[in-house]
Amino acid sequence: MTTLKTAVIGLGNIGQAVAGNFVKSNRSFIAADRNVEKAKELSEKWGPGAVPSDIPAAVKNADIVILSIPFESICGFMKEYASDLEGKIIVDPSNPIAPDANGGFKKIIEKDESAGEINAASLPKNSKLVKALGTLGAGSLSGSAYQTPEKAVLFYAADDTSIDNDVEQLIQNSGFEPARIGGIDQSIRIEVFGDLHEFGALGKTVTLSEAKQKI
């Protein structure tokens, strides 16, 4: 299977964890951040598989665009780059949360809403949204990758099943076992506070055999 050209947009904690896992699997990728110097410095550390870029060129040149940017920025981003995102796979790892006054997090959308469904409403023409890579915190996303003897699971949700193979290859190249839970209407389950999120009812990473009992 051909590996689609992939861009990691935003090199914060989640973006760096995803990129670091790609390096371990020898998956080449475009590393983009609004701070281009940061993208260059990190790419030098990651090696020749990481190609630094500014954001407009990364969006234009990739087939899969991972938006490791804050939830509040995603709808605006998709509108700004709508023409260059047409027909592409957009990966949304976002969680609709903000710090609370007690050192924890609070949800910043209605209790029964999900970031996945909100972002899907702003999708560019013919593009396909997958909710993935955000079911674990950055620490687990990095520290639990390539776990042995059984890999840990990353759940994903997407309406278009034609992209499943590409999405699952992406997750495998991140060092995890993919587990599909359904369409975007199931996103709330894999966002923070959901029953399949590390910071929700799940409370930990799980293996595929454990995950199948919960999906």
Protein backbone atom coordinates (compact mmCIF):
# COMPACT_ATOMS: atom_id res chain seq x y z
CA MET A 1 0.00 0.00 0.00
CA THR A 2 1.29 3.44 -0.88
CA THR A 3 2.02 5.66 2.10
CA LEU A 4 0.30 8.98 1.64
CA LYS A 5 2.31 12.15 2.11
CA THR A 6 1.57 13.39 5.61
CA ALA A 7 1.95 16.77 7.30
CA VAL A 8 1.99 17.38 11.04
CA ILE A 9 0.66 20.92 11.52
CA GLY A 10 1.52 22.38 14.92
CA LEU A 11 4.53 21.18 16.87
CA GLY A 12 3.30 21.45 20.44
CA ASN A 13 3.19 18.49 22.82
CA ILE A 14 0.84 16.33 20.71
CA GLY A 15 2.48 17.26 17.41
CA GLN A 16 5.95 16.46 18.72
CA ALA A 17 4.78 13.14 20.18
CA VAL A 18 3.22 12.11 16.84
CA ALA A 19 6.27 13.23 14.90
CA GLY A 20 8.64 11.42 17.24
CA ASN A 21 6.67 8.19 16.76
CA PHE A 22 6.79 8.58 12.96
CA VAL A 23 10.56 8.88 13.19
CA LYS A 24 10.74 5.55 15.05
CA SER A 25 8.74 3.84 12.28
CA ASN A 26 10.71 5.54 9.48
CA ARG A 27 7.55 7.22 8.15
CA SER A 28 8.53 10.42 6.36
CA PHE A 29 6.47 13.50 7.08
CA ILE A 30 6.29 17.25 6.68
CA ALA A 31 6.81 19.13 9.95
CA ALA A 32 5.08 22.51 9.98
CA ASP A 33 4.55 25.17 12.59
CA ARG A 34 3.72 28.86 12.48
CA ASN A 35 7.23 29.25 13.91
CA VAL A 36 9.21 27.95 10.93
CA GLU A 37 12.49 28.11 12.85
CA LYS A 38 11.02 25.71 15.41
CA ALA A 39 10.05 23.33 12.60
CA LYS A 40 13.59 23.49 11.23
CA GLU A 41 15.24 22.90 14.62
CA LEU A 42 13.01 19.91 15.47
CA SER A 43 13.37 18.41 12.01
CA GLU A 44 17.13 18.56 12.31
CA LYS A 45 16.82 16.55 15.52
CA TRP A 46 14.40 14.04 13.96
CA GLY A 47 16.56 13.41 10.91
CA PRO A 48 16.05 13.23 7.12
CA GLY A 49 12.54 11.73 7.34
CA ALA A 50 11.24 15.03 8.68
CA VAL A 51 10.92 17.84 6.15
CA PRO A 52 10.46 21.29 7.72
CA SER A 53 7.96 23.61 6.09
CA ASP A 54 5.80 26.64 6.57
CA ILE A 55 2.10 25.87 7.04
CA PRO A 56 0.74 26.93 3.61
CA ALA A 57 3.24 24.74 1.73
CA ALA A 58 2.66 21.82 4.10
CA VAL A 59 -1.11 21.92 3.56
CA LYS A 60 -0.68 22.16 -0.20
CA ASN A 61 1.81 19.29 -0.49
CA ALA A 62 0.30 16.71 1.88
CA ASP A 63 -2.43 14.11 1.32
CA ILE A 64 -3.04 13.66 5.05
CA VAL A 65 -3.06 16.76 7.24
CA ILE A 66 -2.80 16.24 11.00
CA LEU A 67 -4.13 19.33 12.76
CA SER A 68 -2.32 19.22 16.12
CA ILE A 69 -3.56 22.70 16.93
CA PRO A 70 -6.05 23.89 19.58
CA PHE A 71 -9.71 22.92 19.10
CA GLU A 72 -10.71 26.58 18.95
CA SER A 73 -8.46 27.12 15.91
CA ILE A 74 -9.49 24.19 13.74
CA CYS A 75 -12.68 25.52 12.11
CA GLY A 76 -10.92 28.78 11.22
CA PHE A 77 -7.93 26.87 9.87
CA MET A 78 -10.11 24.72 7.61
CA LYS A 79 -11.85 27.82 6.26
CA GLU A 80 -8.56 29.64 5.66
CA TYR A 81 -7.03 26.70 3.76
CA ALA A 82 -10.27 25.32 2.30
CA SER A 83 -9.12 25.20 -1.32
CA ASP A 84 -5.84 23.41 -0.52
CA LEU A 85 -7.57 20.95 1.83
CA GLU A 86 -10.14 19.84 -0.75
CA GLY A 87 -10.32 16.06 -1.09
CA LYS A 88 -7.71 15.41 1.61
CA ILE A 89 -7.78 13.41 4.81
CA ILE A 90 -7.87 15.71 7.81
CA VAL A 91 -6.88 14.20 11.16
CA ASP A 92 -8.40 15.91 14.19
CA PRO A 93 -6.75 15.04 17.54
CA SER A 94 -8.31 18.01 19.34
CA ASN A 95 -10.09 18.01 22.67
CA PRO A 96 -12.53 20.81 23.57
CA ILE A 97 -11.09 21.59 26.99
CA ALA A 98 -9.43 24.40 28.96
CA PRO A 99 -7.79 24.54 32.41
CA ASP A 100 -10.20 24.92 35.33
CA ALA A 101 -9.52 26.65 38.64
CA ASN A 102 -8.55 23.40 40.39
CA GLY A 103 -5.59 22.31 38.30
CA GLY A 104 -7.74 20.13 36.06
CA PHE A 105 -9.72 20.62 32.87
CA LYS A 106 -13.22 21.72 31.97
CA LYS A 107 -15.15 21.14 28.77
CA ILE A 108 -15.65 24.33 26.78
CA ILE A 109 -18.56 23.14 24.63
CA GLU A 110 -21.94 21.77 25.66
CA LYS A 111 -21.90 18.49 27.58
CA ASP A 112 -23.46 16.51 24.72
CA GLU A 113 -21.38 18.12 21.96
CA SER A 114 -18.13 16.80 20.49
CA ALA A 115 -15.21 18.57 18.84
CA GLY A 116 -15.38 16.02 16.04
CA GLU A 117 -18.95 16.86 15.06
CA ILE A 118 -18.37 20.60 15.36
CA ASN A 119 -15.25 20.44 13.19
CA ALA A 120 -16.93 18.13 10.66
CA ALA A 121 -19.49 20.88 10.03
CA SER A 122 -16.69 23.09 8.64
CA LEU A 123 -15.02 20.51 6.41
CA PRO A 124 -13.68 21.74 3.06
CA LYS A 125 -15.23 20.29 -0.11
CA ASN A 126 -14.72 16.52 -0.53
CA SER A 127 -12.29 16.31 2.38
CA LYS A 128 -12.62 13.54 4.93
CA LEU A 129 -12.35 14.03 8.67
CA VAL A 130 -11.00 11.39 11.02
CA LYS A 131 -11.00 11.84 14.77
CA ALA A 132 -7.74 10.21 15.87
CA LEU A 133 -4.43 10.59 17.73
CA GLY A 134 -6.09 12.49 20.58
CA THR A 135 -7.39 9.66 22.75
CA LEU A 136 -4.26 9.75 24.93
CA GLY A 137 -2.37 12.60 26.52
CA ALA A 138 0.95 13.61 24.98
CA GLY A 139 2.89 11.71 27.66
CA SER A 140 1.17 8.40 26.89
CA LEU A 141 1.16 9.09 23.16
CA SER A 142 4.93 9.19 23.37
CA GLY A 143 5.66 6.84 26.28
CA SER A 144 3.24 4.03 25.36
CA ALA A 145 4.11 3.85 21.67
CA TYR A 146 5.54 0.50 20.52
CA GLN A 147 4.55 -1.07 23.83
CA THR A 148 5.40 -4.78 24.15
CA PRO A 149 4.37 -7.57 24.19
CA GLU A 150 1.00 -6.11 23.06
CA LYS A 151 0.68 -2.67 21.54
CA ALA A 152 -1.64 -0.14 23.16
CA VAL A 153 -4.69 1.01 21.21
CA LEU A 154 -5.52 4.32 19.62
CA PHE A 155 -9.23 4.63 18.84
CA TYR A 156 -10.48 6.48 15.77
CA ALA A 157 -13.80 7.57 14.27
CA ALA A 158 -14.61 8.50 10.67
CA ASP A 159 -17.70 8.57 8.46
CA ASP A 160 -15.90 7.51 5.27
CA THR A 161 -14.70 3.91 5.56
CA SER A 162 -12.69 4.22 2.32
CA ILE A 163 -9.93 5.95 4.32
CA ASP A 164 -9.70 3.26 7.00
CA ASN A 165 -6.60 1.60 5.55
CA ASP A 166 -4.73 4.90 5.36
CA VAL A 167 -5.82 5.88 8.86
CA GLU A 168 -4.85 2.53 10.33
CA GLN A 169 -1.45 2.66 8.64
CA LEU A 170 -0.98 6.11 10.17
CA ILE A 171 -1.83 4.83 13.64
CA GLN A 172 0.40 1.77 13.23
CA ASN A 173 3.24 4.07 12.19
CA SER A 174 2.59 5.91 15.45
CA GLY A 175 3.37 2.73 17.36
CA PHE A 176 -0.21 1.79 18.31
CA GLU A 177 -2.93 -0.68 17.36
CA PRO A 178 -5.88 1.00 15.58
CA ALA A 179 -9.45 0.42 16.76
CA ARG A 180 -12.39 1.87 14.81
CA ILE A 181 -15.39 2.85 16.92
CA GLY A 182 -17.75 4.16 14.22
CA GLY A 183 -18.60 7.44 12.56
CA ILE A 184 -17.87 11.01 13.60
CA ASP A 185 -21.07 10.97 15.66
CA GLN A 186 -19.13 8.73 18.08
CA SER A 187 -16.33 11.30 18.57
CA ILE A 188 -17.53 12.29 22.01
CA ARG A 189 -16.51 8.83 23.26
CA ILE A 190 -12.83 9.37 22.38
CA GLU A 191 -12.50 12.94 23.56
CA VAL A 192 -11.50 13.96 27.11
CA PHE A 193 -14.19 12.83 29.61
CA GLY A 194 -15.45 10.21 27.11
CA ASP A 195 -15.71 6.54 27.97
CA LEU A 196 -12.81 5.64 25.63
CA HIS A 197 -10.38 8.40 26.57
CA GLU A 198 -7.40 8.10 28.88
CA PHE A 199 -8.73 11.14 30.77
CA GLY A 200 -12.27 9.82 30.91
CA ALA A 201 -13.90 6.57 32.00
CA LEU A 202 -11.14 4.49 30.38
CA GLY A 203 -8.50 6.00 32.65
CA LYS A 204 -5.54 4.20 31.08
CA THR A 205 -4.14 2.74 27.89
CA VAL A 206 -5.61 -0.57 26.77
CA THR A 207 -4.61 -3.38 24.43
CA LEU A 208 -6.76 -4.46 21.48
CA SER A 209 -8.29 -7.41 23.35
CA GLU A 210 -9.23 -5.08 26.21
CA ALA A 211 -10.54 -2.44 23.80
CA LYS A 212 -12.87 -4.86 22.01
CA GLN A 213 -14.77 -5.37 25.25
CA LYS A 214 -15.43 -1.64 25.53
CA ILE A 215 -16.27 -0.53 21.97
